[in-house]
Each structure stands twice: as structure tokens, then as C-alpha cells.
Amino acid sequence: MNPVIELQRVTKRHGPLVRLAEIDLTIKEGEMLALLGHNGAGKTTIMKLILGLIAPSSGHVDVLGGAPDGPHAERLRRQLGYLPENVTFYEQLTGREVLTYFARLKRADRHQVTVLLERVGLVEAADRRVKTYSKGMRQRLGLAQALLGSPRLLLLDEPTTGLDPAATRDFYQAVKALRDNGCTVLLSSHVLPGIEPYIDRALILGKGRRLALGSLEQLREEAKLPLTFRIHGTLLTMQSQLWKAMSLEPIPINERCVEVNVPAENKMQVLRQLTTMPNIDDIELSPPTLEHLYTHFSTRPASLTPGASA
């Protein structure tokens, strides 16, 4: 299976400033990959390279089998959907009219308009003017616009900025359904808890360089961060000798709950010891979240950061 996106030793410079430094990245069909990093890390530069808006200073960019800024570009645009961070439509048009207009521009089947309005949950608002839409409704209309022409590749740049948690969940559930049907998704987001349940892999960038790449399990294995045990019971904070014997430092949450951080390799040993403690009602185990992993890789010393290969 050919990759949908392939970057080979891509570097992008703006004068003396290096935006990207020798990035290698391969994204397969049906994969959802998150681009993570602080402002200026290189996320937007990668998006622009894939869209063909800028060319690399060195290296090679291949999207759906060709260079995005070459003769392949017109065919690529018909197979690619893009949703920017700030979606703007002519507010006097209805949602249906907006999609009909973009369907003509993209030479897409106009019968898709009604299907996409239903897919993003805007059927009942389809004939209302866009000026009456909430932020979440505009984002969903933007997603419908990006899906015209049944793209094989979908680029989402901070797609849920300004959305409440429920709207964010609904948005990503719609995107997940597309991914499950074979669409490749590349997204950039600062809202890490919102994307964690949906992504296949994450690429963490810092100052144009790759800091880490992998699935959540791969990143956890590389980071070797501790697990969090949340323990419920009575008199937990008073059992100091037992905690000391296990080399654990309990953090009180309330009168009936404490948390302890446990190295992953000690998980089973600690669990067995905890079962011998009196008055324990429940134990919850939580692996490091995407936010914990992002913080770890973004702040570790440069000497520990691998090369730019991704």
C-alpha cells in the first residue's frame, strides 16, 4: 500500500530561520495522525507543504502519489479536504447554499450536499443563514465543505478552537467515522484530551525538529513515565509505614482517597502489596495521558532528543 503522505528529509528555511529541519514522515491510508507542538514548532509549515502553498528548501514532499505544487496539484485538490482554524463563510447564505457553492468550485456532485449536511448534523439548520449559526455549527459546516468530493485526505488545523466539550466530542466522532471508512486524517490541535481517544499516532515537534513519534503505547514505552494509582478506602493517609515499605509517596486527594505514582515495571508488585492493606475499597490505574507525554517530550533536555527522522 502506497503512503498517502511522505516527507523525505524535508527542510524549510525562511532566511536564516529554520522552520523545519530534515523531517521524515510517512502517513498511511486510513490513519489519523496528530501534529503537536508549541506555536512555531513547525505544524503549520507541514500543513502548508502538504497543501502545496509553499515548497521545501530541500527534501521531497509526496502527497497522494505526486508533488503537491507540481502538475499533480489540480488532481490533488480534488482528493484533499482542508479545514482551517478560523472558518469564514458569507453569512447571508444558508448552510445549504454555502455547500452548493463550494460543490461547484470543487466540481463535486451536488447530491453530496444533503448527505454531508446530515453527516455533520446540520440538516435541521440547512436552510438557515450562516449568521445564525453557533461556533460549533460553523465548524461542522466547515467540515462538510472539506468533505465535498469524498477526499482521500483530510487536513484539520485547530478544528475545535472555541468549541465546548460536547461539540468537540461530536466533531471528532464525525471525523472518526470518516477515518474508519478509509479517509486519512492529519490534524493539528492544542486540545490534547479532546483528540486522545481518536488518534492513531502523534508527531511531537519542537523548533522544527521531531521530538517524538508513535502511538500512545509507543510514546509511553519511550517516555517511561509512572502510572498513577488512585486508591480509595479509609485511614489511608495514616498507614505511613506501609507506604514507606513500598517506597511510595501518597498524595492525599480527600479523606478517603490518595494517589501514588508507580513506575510501570513495578505495577504488579505494587498491586499485590496493596491487596494486603486493610480498608482498601477500590484501586484505579491510569497510564500517562497524551498531555503528560507531550509535556515530557517537549521539556526533556535537547541531548536526549532523537534525530529528525520520523
C-alpha atoms as a PDB file:
ATOM      1  CA  MET A   1       0.000   0.000   0.000  1.00  0.00           C
ATOM      2  CA  ASN A   2       1.433   3.366  -1.070  1.00  0.00           C
ATOM      3  CA  PRO A   3       1.662   6.071   1.618  1.00  0.00           C
ATOM      4  CA  VAL A   4      -0.807   8.949   1.400  1.00  0.00           C
ATOM      5  CA  ILE A   5       1.789  11.460   2.664  1.00  0.00           C
ATOM      6  CA  GLU A   6       5.547  11.086   2.556  1.00  0.00           C
ATOM      7  CA  LEU A   7       8.129  13.664   3.633  1.00  0.00           C
ATOM      8  CA  GLN A   8      11.762  12.757   2.965  1.00  0.00           C
ATOM      9  CA  ARG A   9      14.438  14.792   4.786  1.00  0.00           C
ATOM     10  CA  VAL A  10      12.353  17.944   4.399  1.00  0.00           C
ATOM     11  CA  THR A  11      13.885  21.228   5.499  1.00  0.00           C
ATOM     12  CA  LYS A  12      12.199  24.622   5.219  1.00  0.00           C
ATOM     13  CA  ARG A  13      14.055  27.879   5.770  1.00  0.00           C
ATOM     14  CA  HIS A  14      12.851  31.465   5.828  1.00  0.00           C
ATOM     15  CA  GLY A  15      16.083  33.419   5.504  1.00  0.00           C
ATOM     16  CA  PRO A  16      18.245  32.425   8.473  1.00  0.00           C
ATOM     17  CA  LEU A  17      15.266  30.907  10.317  1.00  0.00           C
ATOM     18  CA  VAL A  18      14.834  27.120  10.079  1.00  0.00           C
ATOM     19  CA  ARG A  19      11.121  26.250  10.197  1.00  0.00           C
ATOM     20  CA  LEU A  20      11.650  22.501   9.675  1.00  0.00           C
ATOM     21  CA  ALA A  21      14.877  20.514   9.962  1.00  0.00           C
ATOM     22  CA  GLU A  22      15.232  17.276   7.959  1.00  0.00           C
ATOM     23  CA  ILE A  23      11.845  15.794   8.791  1.00  0.00           C
ATOM     24  CA  ASP A  24      10.967  12.302   7.543  1.00  0.00           C
ATOM     25  CA  LEU A  25       7.309  11.306   7.894  1.00  0.00           C
ATOM     26  CA  THR A  26       5.122   8.618   6.330  1.00  0.00           C
ATOM     27  CA  ILE A  27       1.339   8.510   6.827  1.00  0.00           C
ATOM     28  CA  LYS A  28      -0.641   5.500   5.639  1.00  0.00           C
ATOM     29  CA  GLU A  29      -4.149   5.312   4.235  1.00  0.00           C
ATOM     30  CA  GLY A  30      -6.861   5.367   6.912  1.00  0.00           C
ATOM     31  CA  GLU A  31      -4.540   6.707   9.614  1.00  0.00           C
ATOM     32  CA  MET A  32      -5.275   9.648  11.912  1.00  0.00           C
ATOM     33  CA  LEU A  33      -2.090  11.430  12.941  1.00  0.00           C
ATOM     34  CA  ALA A  34      -1.850  14.439  15.249  1.00  0.00           C
ATOM     35  CA  LEU A  35       0.732  17.193  14.832  1.00  0.00           C
ATOM     36  CA  LEU A  36       1.596  18.536  18.288  1.00  0.00           C
ATOM     37  CA  GLY A  37       3.856  21.379  19.331  1.00  0.00           C
ATOM     38  CA  HIS A  38       4.043  24.916  20.652  1.00  0.00           C
ATOM     39  CA  ASN A  39       3.465  27.872  18.350  1.00  0.00           C
ATOM     40  CA  GLY A  40       6.386  27.995  15.938  1.00  0.00           C
ATOM     41  CA  ALA A  41       7.152  24.279  16.298  1.00  0.00           C
ATOM     42  CA  GLY A  42       6.553  23.608  12.583  1.00  0.00           C
ATOM     43  CA  LYS A  43       2.962  22.305  12.485  1.00  0.00           C
ATOM     44  CA  THR A  44       1.617  24.968  10.146  1.00  0.00           C
ATOM     45  CA  THR A  45       4.692  24.672   7.921  1.00  0.00           C
ATOM     46  CA  ILE A  46       3.999  20.950   7.434  1.00  0.00           C
ATOM     47  CA  MET A  47       0.357  21.707   6.614  1.00  0.00           C
ATOM     48  CA  LYS A  48       1.370  24.327   4.029  1.00  0.00           C
ATOM     49  CA  LEU A  49       3.881  21.960   2.433  1.00  0.00           C
ATOM     50  CA  ILE A  50       1.226  19.263   2.064  1.00  0.00           C
ATOM     51  CA  LEU A  51      -1.254  21.764   0.635  1.00  0.00           C
ATOM     52  CA  GLY A  52       1.349  22.925  -1.891  1.00  0.00           C
ATOM     53  CA  LEU A  53       1.219  26.519  -0.626  1.00  0.00           C
ATOM     54  CA  ILE A  54       4.986  26.522  -0.051  1.00  0.00           C
ATOM     55  CA  ALA A  55       7.856  24.385  -1.346  1.00  0.00           C
ATOM     56  CA  PRO A  56      10.589  22.770   0.769  1.00  0.00           C
ATOM     57  CA  SER A  57      14.039  24.344   0.810  1.00  0.00           C
ATOM     58  CA  SER A  58      15.400  20.818   0.498  1.00  0.00           C
ATOM     59  CA  GLY A  59      13.998  17.311   0.608  1.00  0.00           C
ATOM     60  CA  HIS A  60      10.926  15.848  -1.061  1.00  0.00           C
ATOM     61  CA  VAL A  61       7.167  16.047  -0.347  1.00  0.00           C
ATOM     62  CA  ASP A  62       4.831  13.465  -1.888  1.00  0.00           C
ATOM     63  CA  VAL A  63       1.047  13.640  -1.391  1.00  0.00           C
ATOM     64  CA  LEU A  64      -1.265  11.028  -2.915  1.00  0.00           C
ATOM     65  CA  GLY A  65       1.404   9.980  -5.369  1.00  0.00           C
ATOM     66  CA  GLY A  66       2.856  13.287  -6.519  1.00  0.00           C
ATOM     67  CA  ALA A  67       4.316  16.667  -5.617  1.00  0.00           C
ATOM     68  CA  PRO A  68       1.589  18.967  -4.243  1.00  0.00           C
ATOM     69  CA  ASP A  69       2.985  22.034  -6.032  1.00  0.00           C
ATOM     70  CA  GLY A  70       3.568  20.415  -9.454  1.00  0.00           C
ATOM     71  CA  PRO A  71       1.433  19.154 -12.367  1.00  0.00           C
ATOM     72  CA  HIS A  72      -0.226  16.793  -9.884  1.00  0.00           C
ATOM     73  CA  ALA A  73      -1.665  19.739  -7.918  1.00  0.00           C
ATOM     74  CA  GLU A  74      -5.032  20.071  -9.678  1.00  0.00           C
ATOM     75  CA  ARG A  75      -5.834  16.370  -9.281  1.00  0.00           C
ATOM     76  CA  LEU A  76      -4.661  16.528  -5.669  1.00  0.00           C
ATOM     77  CA  ARG A  77      -7.002  19.381  -4.779  1.00  0.00           C
ATOM     78  CA  ARG A  78      -9.983  17.255  -5.802  1.00  0.00           C
ATOM     79  CA  GLN A  79      -8.869  14.481  -3.425  1.00  0.00           C
ATOM     80  CA  LEU A  80      -7.965  16.697  -0.474  1.00  0.00           C
ATOM     81  CA  GLY A  81     -10.158  18.441   2.105  1.00  0.00           C
ATOM     82  CA  TYR A  82      -8.889  21.257   4.323  1.00  0.00           C
ATOM     83  CA  LEU A  83     -10.459  22.862   7.384  1.00  0.00           C
ATOM     84  CA  PRO A  84      -8.538  25.893   8.725  1.00  0.00           C
ATOM     85  CA  GLU A  85      -8.646  27.094  12.312  1.00  0.00           C
ATOM     86  CA  ASN A  86     -10.912  30.051  11.572  1.00  0.00           C
ATOM     87  CA  VAL A  87     -13.802  29.192   9.265  1.00  0.00           C
ATOM     88  CA  THR A  88     -15.396  32.131   7.442  1.00  0.00           C
ATOM     89  CA  PHE A  89     -18.403  31.914   5.152  1.00  0.00           C
ATOM     90  CA  TYR A  90     -20.634  34.548   3.580  1.00  0.00           C
ATOM     91  CA  GLU A  91     -23.138  34.986   6.389  1.00  0.00           C
ATOM     92  CA  GLN A  92     -26.149  35.886   4.259  1.00  0.00           C
ATOM     93  CA  LEU A  93     -26.100  32.467   2.594  1.00  0.00           C
ATOM     94  CA  THR A  94     -27.730  29.423   4.146  1.00  0.00           C
ATOM     95  CA  GLY A  95     -25.681  26.378   5.055  1.00  0.00           C
ATOM     96  CA  ARG A  96     -27.102  24.556   2.045  1.00  0.00           C
ATOM     97  CA  GLU A  97     -26.213  27.437  -0.289  1.00  0.00           C
ATOM     98  CA  VAL A  98     -22.650  27.549   1.058  1.00  0.00           C
ATOM     99  CA  LEU A  99     -22.107  23.869   0.341  1.00  0.00           C
ATOM    100  CA  THR A 100     -23.744  24.114  -3.082  1.00  0.00           C
ATOM    101  CA  TYR A 101     -21.383  26.973  -3.980  1.00  0.00           C
ATOM    102  CA  PHE A 102     -18.282  25.036  -2.868  1.00  0.00           C
ATOM    103  CA  ALA A 103     -19.520  21.907  -4.644  1.00  0.00           C
ATOM    104  CA  ARG A 104     -19.451  23.853  -7.901  1.00  0.00           C
ATOM    105  CA  LEU A 105     -15.940  25.150  -7.169  1.00  0.00           C
ATOM    106  CA  LYS A 106     -14.671  21.627  -6.418  1.00  0.00           C
ATOM    107  CA  ARG A 107     -16.645  20.063  -9.288  1.00  0.00           C
ATOM    108  CA  ALA A 108     -18.244  17.764  -6.755  1.00  0.00           C
ATOM    109  CA  ASP A 109     -21.598  16.030  -7.101  1.00  0.00           C
ATOM    110  CA  ARG A 110     -24.267  18.416  -5.774  1.00  0.00           C
ATOM    111  CA  HIS A 111     -26.198  15.464  -4.413  1.00  0.00           C
ATOM    112  CA  GLN A 112     -23.469  15.246  -1.754  1.00  0.00           C
ATOM    113  CA  VAL A 113     -24.707  18.480  -0.171  1.00  0.00           C
ATOM    114  CA  THR A 114     -27.714  16.933   1.573  1.00  0.00           C
ATOM    115  CA  VAL A 115     -25.765  13.801   2.514  1.00  0.00           C
ATOM    116  CA  LEU A 116     -22.989  15.860   4.132  1.00  0.00           C
ATOM    117  CA  LEU A 117     -25.405  18.144   5.964  1.00  0.00           C
ATOM    118  CA  GLU A 118     -26.909  15.019   7.510  1.00  0.00           C
ATOM    119  CA  ARG A 119     -23.473  13.548   8.300  1.00  0.00           C
ATOM    120  CA  VAL A 120     -22.392  16.627  10.285  1.00  0.00           C
ATOM    121  CA  GLY A 121     -25.777  17.071  11.979  1.00  0.00           C
ATOM    122  CA  LEU A 122     -26.922  20.242  10.213  1.00  0.00           C
ATOM    123  CA  VAL A 123     -29.984  19.028   8.330  1.00  0.00           C
ATOM    124  CA  GLU A 124     -32.411  20.956  10.520  1.00  0.00           C
ATOM    125  CA  ALA A 125     -30.332  24.144  10.173  1.00  0.00           C
ATOM    126  CA  ALA A 126     -29.520  23.692   6.479  1.00  0.00           C
ATOM    127  CA  ASP A 127     -31.834  26.456   5.301  1.00  0.00           C
ATOM    128  CA  ARG A 128     -30.940  28.964   8.000  1.00  0.00           C
ATOM    129  CA  ARG A 129     -28.493  31.753   7.241  1.00  0.00           C
ATOM    130  CA  VAL A 130     -24.949  31.151   8.432  1.00  0.00           C
ATOM    131  CA  LYS A 131     -25.072  34.323  10.542  1.00  0.00           C
ATOM    132  CA  THR A 132     -27.447  32.465  12.896  1.00  0.00           C
ATOM    133  CA  TYR A 133     -25.009  29.555  13.380  1.00  0.00           C
ATOM    134  CA  SER A 134     -23.064  28.957  16.576  1.00  0.00           C
ATOM    135  CA  LYS A 135     -19.295  28.442  16.533  1.00  0.00           C
ATOM    136  CA  GLY A 136     -19.774  24.682  16.665  1.00  0.00           C
ATOM    137  CA  MET A 137     -22.256  24.723  13.796  1.00  0.00           C
ATOM    138  CA  ARG A 138     -19.867  26.768  11.654  1.00  0.00           C
ATOM    139  CA  GLN A 139     -17.067  24.295  12.345  1.00  0.00           C
ATOM    140  CA  ARG A 140     -19.335  21.415  11.333  1.00  0.00           C
ATOM    141  CA  LEU A 141     -20.300  23.298   8.163  1.00  0.00           C
ATOM    142  CA  GLY A 142     -16.593  23.766   7.513  1.00  0.00           C
ATOM    143  CA  LEU A 143     -16.075  20.024   7.934  1.00  0.00           C
ATOM    144  CA  ALA A 144     -18.880  19.336   5.456  1.00  0.00           C
ATOM    145  CA  GLN A 145     -17.214  21.737   2.999  1.00  0.00           C
ATOM    146  CA  ALA A 146     -13.892  19.926   3.430  1.00  0.00           C
ATOM    147  CA  LEU A 147     -15.616  16.597   2.698  1.00  0.00           C
ATOM    148  CA  LEU A 148     -17.098  17.621  -0.639  1.00  0.00           C
ATOM    149  CA  GLY A 149     -15.790  15.361  -3.357  1.00  0.00           C
ATOM    150  CA  SER A 150     -15.148  12.484  -0.888  1.00  0.00           C
ATOM    151  CA  PRO A 151     -11.478  13.374  -0.242  1.00  0.00           C
ATOM    152  CA  ARG A 152      -8.928  10.678   0.474  1.00  0.00           C
ATOM    153  CA  LEU A 153      -7.002  13.078   2.703  1.00  0.00           C
ATOM    154  CA  LEU A 154      -8.377  15.495   5.293  1.00  0.00           C
ATOM    155  CA  LEU A 155      -6.283  18.254   6.916  1.00  0.00           C
ATOM    156  CA  LEU A 156      -7.653  19.817  10.116  1.00  0.00           C
ATOM    157  CA  ASP A 157      -5.860  22.837  11.625  1.00  0.00           C
ATOM    158  CA  GLU A 158      -7.025  23.501  15.212  1.00  0.00           C
ATOM    159  CA  PRO A 159     -10.541  22.412  14.194  1.00  0.00           C
ATOM    160  CA  THR A 160     -12.204  22.627  17.626  1.00  0.00           C
ATOM    161  CA  THR A 161     -10.931  26.005  18.821  1.00  0.00           C
ATOM    162  CA  GLY A 162     -13.780  27.694  20.689  1.00  0.00           C
ATOM    163  CA  LEU A 163     -15.985  24.600  20.851  1.00  0.00           C
ATOM    164  CA  ASP A 164     -17.436  23.341  24.127  1.00  0.00           C
ATOM    165  CA  PRO A 165     -16.625  19.753  25.246  1.00  0.00           C
ATOM    166  CA  ALA A 166     -19.843  18.285  23.843  1.00  0.00           C
ATOM    167  CA  ALA A 167     -19.357  19.942  20.451  1.00  0.00           C
ATOM    168  CA  THR A 168     -15.705  18.834  20.414  1.00  0.00           C
ATOM    169  CA  ARG A 169     -16.722  15.232  21.088  1.00  0.00           C
ATOM    170  CA  ASP A 170     -19.382  15.316  18.360  1.00  0.00           C
ATOM    171  CA  PHE A 171     -16.887  16.798  15.901  1.00  0.00           C
ATOM    172  CA  TYR A 172     -14.252  14.127  16.468  1.00  0.00           C
ATOM    173  CA  GLN A 173     -16.803  11.336  16.377  1.00  0.00           C
ATOM    174  CA  ALA A 174     -17.763  12.552  12.896  1.00  0.00           C
ATOM    175  CA  VAL A 175     -14.081  12.630  11.890  1.00  0.00           C
ATOM    176  CA  LYS A 176     -13.518   9.140  13.325  1.00  0.00           C
ATOM    177  CA  ALA A 177     -16.346   7.785  11.177  1.00  0.00           C
ATOM    178  CA  LEU A 178     -14.561   9.180   8.112  1.00  0.00           C
ATOM    179  CA  ARG A 179     -11.261   7.626   9.191  1.00  0.00           C
ATOM    180  CA  ASP A 180     -12.998   4.290   9.721  1.00  0.00           C
ATOM    181  CA  ASN A 181     -14.144   4.472   6.087  1.00  0.00           C
ATOM    182  CA  GLY A 182     -10.575   4.870   4.820  1.00  0.00           C
ATOM    183  CA  CYS A 183     -10.021   8.637   4.855  1.00  0.00           C
ATOM    184  CA  THR A 184      -6.563   9.680   6.054  1.00  0.00           C
ATOM    185  CA  VAL A 185      -6.646  12.488   8.628  1.00  0.00           C
ATOM    186  CA  LEU A 186      -3.856  14.858   9.634  1.00  0.00           C
ATOM    187  CA  LEU A 187      -4.804  17.234  12.425  1.00  0.00           C
ATOM    188  CA  SER A 188      -3.145  19.922  14.481  1.00  0.00           C
ATOM    189  CA  SER A 189      -4.532  20.701  17.921  1.00  0.00           C
ATOM    190  CA  HIS A 190      -3.636  22.168  21.306  1.00  0.00           C
ATOM    191  CA  VAL A 191      -6.647  20.480  22.941  1.00  0.00           C
ATOM    192  CA  LEU A 192      -4.928  17.186  23.708  1.00  0.00           C
ATOM    193  CA  PRO A 193      -7.601  15.494  25.877  1.00  0.00           C
ATOM    194  CA  GLY A 194     -10.097  16.018  23.053  1.00  0.00           C
ATOM    195  CA  ILE A 195      -8.051  14.158  20.435  1.00  0.00           C
ATOM    196  CA  GLU A 196      -6.505  11.419  22.595  1.00  0.00           C
ATOM    197  CA  PRO A 197      -9.278   8.808  22.103  1.00  0.00           C
ATOM    198  CA  TYR A 198      -9.249   9.180  18.325  1.00  0.00           C
ATOM    199  CA  ILE A 199      -5.692   9.411  17.008  1.00  0.00           C
ATOM    200  CA  ASP A 200      -3.532   6.504  15.832  1.00  0.00           C
ATOM    201  CA  ARG A 201      -0.203   8.285  16.237  1.00  0.00           C
ATOM    202  CA  ALA A 202       1.211  11.645  17.294  1.00  0.00           C
ATOM    203  CA  LEU A 203       4.183  13.583  15.942  1.00  0.00           C
ATOM    204  CA  ILE A 204       5.564  15.965  18.576  1.00  0.00           C
ATOM    205  CA  LEU A 205       7.577  18.855  17.154  1.00  0.00           C
ATOM    206  CA  GLY A 206       9.823  21.442  18.773  1.00  0.00           C
ATOM    207  CA  LYS A 207      11.570  24.275  16.932  1.00  0.00           C
ATOM    208  CA  GLY A 208      11.158  22.479  13.634  1.00  0.00           C
ATOM    209  CA  ARG A 209      12.578  19.159  14.828  1.00  0.00           C
ATOM    210  CA  ARG A 210      10.993  15.847  15.620  1.00  0.00           C
ATOM    211  CA  LEU A 211      10.858  15.246  19.365  1.00  0.00           C
ATOM    212  CA  ALA A 212       8.833  12.036  19.294  1.00  0.00           C
ATOM    213  CA  LEU A 213       6.593   9.975  17.017  1.00  0.00           C
ATOM    214  CA  GLY A 214       4.418   6.979  17.711  1.00  0.00           C
ATOM    215  CA  SER A 215       1.183   5.576  19.048  1.00  0.00           C
ATOM    216  CA  LEU A 216       0.240   6.303  22.646  1.00  0.00           C
ATOM    217  CA  GLU A 217       1.637   2.932  23.702  1.00  0.00           C
ATOM    218  CA  GLN A 218       4.900   3.546  21.840  1.00  0.00           C
ATOM    219  CA  LEU A 219       5.262   7.007  23.362  1.00  0.00           C
ATOM    220  CA  ARG A 220       4.550   5.639  26.837  1.00  0.00           C
ATOM    221  CA  GLU A 221       7.167   2.952  26.353  1.00  0.00           C
ATOM    222  CA  GLU A 222       9.734   5.510  25.241  1.00  0.00           C
ATOM    223  CA  ALA A 223       8.902   8.065  27.941  1.00  0.00           C
ATOM    224  CA  LYS A 224       8.811   5.540  30.804  1.00  0.00           C
ATOM    225  CA  LEU A 225       6.583   7.803  32.883  1.00  0.00           C
ATOM    226  CA  PRO A 226       4.959   6.339  36.007  1.00  0.00           C
ATOM    227  CA  LEU A 227       1.409   5.047  36.256  1.00  0.00           C
ATOM    228  CA  THR A 228      -0.997   6.846  38.571  1.00  0.00           C
ATOM    229  CA  PHE A 229      -2.759   4.684  41.175  1.00  0.00           C
ATOM    230  CA  ARG A 230      -5.830   6.272  42.767  1.00  0.00           C
ATOM    231  CA  ILE A 231      -6.669   4.317  45.915  1.00  0.00           C
ATOM    232  CA  HIS A 232      -9.980   4.592  47.759  1.00  0.00           C
ATOM    233  CA  GLY A 233     -10.508   3.475  51.348  1.00  0.00           C
ATOM    234  CA  THR A 234     -10.324   4.549  54.980  1.00  0.00           C
ATOM    235  CA  LEU A 235      -7.374   5.744  57.089  1.00  0.00           C
ATOM    236  CA  LEU A 236      -5.120   5.599  54.028  1.00  0.00           C
ATOM    237  CA  THR A 237      -3.014   8.622  54.921  1.00  0.00           C
ATOM    238  CA  MET A 238      -2.266   7.177  58.368  1.00  0.00           C
ATOM    239  CA  GLN A 239      -0.611   3.988  57.091  1.00  0.00           C
ATOM    240  CA  SER A 240       2.784   5.638  56.712  1.00  0.00           C
ATOM    241  CA  GLN A 241       4.827   2.506  57.464  1.00  0.00           C
ATOM    242  CA  LEU A 242       3.116   0.537  54.715  1.00  0.00           C
ATOM    243  CA  TRP A 243       3.683   3.305  52.148  1.00  0.00           C
ATOM    244  CA  LYS A 244       7.296   3.592  53.227  1.00  0.00           C
ATOM    245  CA  ALA A 245       7.801  -0.152  52.843  1.00  0.00           C
ATOM    246  CA  MET A 246       6.626   0.118  49.226  1.00  0.00           C
ATOM    247  CA  SER A 247       8.776   3.243  48.583  1.00  0.00           C
ATOM    248  CA  LEU A 248       5.659   5.213  47.668  1.00  0.00           C
ATOM    249  CA  GLU A 249       4.716   8.809  48.474  1.00  0.00           C
ATOM    250  CA  PRO A 250       0.926   9.089  48.819  1.00  0.00           C
ATOM    251  CA  ILE A 251      -0.726  12.340  47.693  1.00  0.00           C
ATOM    252  CA  PRO A 252      -3.982  12.944  49.606  1.00  0.00           C
ATOM    253  CA  ILE A 253      -6.963  13.730  47.384  1.00  0.00           C
ATOM    254  CA  ASN A 254      -9.578  13.710  50.137  1.00  0.00           C
ATOM    255  CA  GLU A 255     -10.251  11.855  53.395  1.00  0.00           C
ATOM    256  CA  ARG A 256     -10.926   8.582  51.574  1.00  0.00           C
ATOM    257  CA  CYS A 257      -8.602   8.800  48.571  1.00  0.00           C
ATOM    258  CA  VAL A 258      -4.874   9.073  47.848  1.00  0.00           C
ATOM    259  CA  GLU A 259      -2.799   8.957  44.672  1.00  0.00           C
ATOM    260  CA  VAL A 260       0.619   7.377  44.198  1.00  0.00           C
ATOM    261  CA  ASN A 261       2.906   7.358  41.167  1.00  0.00           C
ATOM    262  CA  VAL A 262       4.267   3.912  40.358  1.00  0.00           C
ATOM    263  CA  PRO A 263       6.960   3.011  37.798  1.00  0.00           C
ATOM    264  CA  ALA A 264       5.401   0.860  35.079  1.00  0.00           C
ATOM    265  CA  GLU A 265       7.773  -2.037  35.759  1.00  0.00           C
ATOM    266  CA  ASN A 266       6.587  -2.156  39.405  1.00  0.00           C
ATOM    267  CA  LYS A 267       2.873  -2.214  38.631  1.00  0.00           C
ATOM    268  CA  MET A 268       2.141  -5.859  39.504  1.00  0.00           C
ATOM    269  CA  GLN A 269       4.357  -5.855  42.583  1.00  0.00           C
ATOM    270  CA  VAL A 270       2.607  -2.773  43.987  1.00  0.00           C
ATOM    271  CA  LEU A 271      -0.831  -4.173  43.159  1.00  0.00           C
ATOM    272  CA  ARG A 272      -0.056  -7.350  45.089  1.00  0.00           C
ATOM    273  CA  GLN A 273       1.159  -5.342  48.072  1.00  0.00           C
ATOM    274  CA  LEU A 274      -1.872  -3.079  48.013  1.00  0.00           C
ATOM    275  CA  THR A 275      -4.209  -6.055  48.211  1.00  0.00           C
ATOM    276  CA  THR A 276      -2.698  -6.866  51.611  1.00  0.00           C
ATOM    277  CA  MET A 277      -3.529  -3.436  53.016  1.00  0.00           C
ATOM    278  CA  PRO A 278      -6.658  -3.223  55.160  1.00  0.00           C
ATOM    279  CA  ASN A 279      -9.613  -0.949  54.416  1.00  0.00           C
ATOM    280  CA  ILE A 280      -8.982  -0.512  50.667  1.00  0.00           C
ATOM    281  CA  ASP A 281     -12.246  -0.315  48.710  1.00  0.00           C
ATOM    282  CA  ASP A 282     -11.051   0.334  45.152  1.00  0.00           C
ATOM    283  CA  ILE A 283      -7.922   0.925  43.048  1.00  0.00           C
ATOM    284  CA  GLU A 284      -7.925   2.896  39.765  1.00  0.00           C
ATOM    285  CA  LEU A 285      -4.939   2.713  37.397  1.00  0.00           C
ATOM    286  CA  SER A 286      -4.251   5.477  34.863  1.00  0.00           C
ATOM    287  CA  PRO A 287      -1.412   5.401  32.317  1.00  0.00           C
ATOM    288  CA  PRO A 288       0.260   8.678  31.276  1.00  0.00           C
ATOM    289  CA  THR A 289      -2.086  10.769  29.158  1.00  0.00           C
ATOM    290  CA  LEU A 290      -1.216  12.387  25.832  1.00  0.00           C
ATOM    291  CA  GLU A 291      -0.845  15.665  27.734  1.00  0.00           C
ATOM    292  CA  HIS A 292       1.687  14.098  30.125  1.00  0.00           C
ATOM    293  CA  LEU A 293       3.608  12.633  27.185  1.00  0.00           C
ATOM    294  CA  TYR A 294       3.595  15.920  25.288  1.00  0.00           C
ATOM    295  CA  THR A 295       4.953  17.764  28.332  1.00  0.00           C
ATOM    296  CA  HIS A 296       7.632  15.122  28.848  1.00  0.00           C
ATOM    297  CA  PHE A 297       8.957  15.164  25.287  1.00  0.00           C
ATOM    298  CA  SER A 298       8.662  18.941  24.955  1.00  0.00           C
ATOM    299  CA  THR A 299      10.714  19.653  28.072  1.00  0.00           C
ATOM    300  CA  ARG A 300      13.351  16.923  28.148  1.00  0.00           C
ATOM    301  CA  PRO A 301      16.956  18.050  27.530  1.00  0.00           C
ATOM    302  CA  ALA A 302      17.978  18.516  23.894  1.00  0.00           C
ATOM    303  CA  SER A 303      20.771  15.979  24.369  1.00  0.00           C
ATOM    304  CA  LEU A 304      18.115  13.267  24.843  1.00  0.00           C
ATOM    305  CA  THR A 305      16.073  14.209  21.770  1.00  0.00           C
ATOM    306  CA  PRO A 306      16.479  11.833  18.826  1.00  0.00           C
ATOM    307  CA  GLY A 307      17.293  12.973  15.307  1.00  0.00           C
ATOM    308  CA  ALA A 308      14.745  14.438  12.941  1.00  0.00           C
ATOM    309  CA  SER A 309      13.772  11.113  11.360  1.00  0.00           C
ATOM    310  CA  ALA A 310      10.059  10.382  11.719  1.00  0.00           C
END
